[in-house]
Amino acid sequence: MKFRKVDKRDLQLNPVSMFGSDWPLLTSGNFEDGYNTMTIAWGHIGAIWNKGSITVYVRPQRYTKDFVDRNELFTVSVLPSKYKDELAYLGKVSGRDEDKVAKVGLTPIFDRDTTYFAEAELVFICRKLYQAQIKEANFLDHSLRDEVYPEKDFHTMYVGEIVEILEPDPGKDN
């Protein structure tokens, strides 16, 4: 699949749906050093520090976190709803245990020293700007903390500058 650039100003999407129900794939790594991906249901799209940005959250035990930590770039790939079963699998199975991407039949594209997927209908290529650990002491609503983090496995938050947005180019064949 060939992709074309999308101007940030032309982007039309609902970020609540994108993260809350579409389950995009957070991916980091490259062909040479390996990569991993996972579904995410938490995130933000907006602007910070005069840059278009995406913020994502990763628990410490997730294998993808290793790749996000050691690479400058990560991607957020939104797949069509027909891939919901595949996305569910990618969110449950660890890439430490098997080649889960091959198992679900997705096609990785290695580009710009990062990875995204040919099946995506929208891809955000992001450069890490900031990361911070969510801290137990900073919760104002303790019931939320207790509900979401019973094991105290607080997410790391990553803020990435949107370097490029891509969508499939209908004028280009595979």
Foldseek 3Di string as FASTA:
>chain_A
DDKDFDDPVPDDDDVQCQQQPQFWKKKAFADPPDIAIATGNDKDWDDDPNFTKIKGWDFPVAPRVVRPVVDQKIKTFGADPVCVVLNVQSHPDGVVVDVSCVVSPWAWDGPPRTIDTPRGQKMFMWGWDDKDWDDQVPDPPNVVCCVVCVPVRTIMMTMTGRPTMIGHDPVDDD
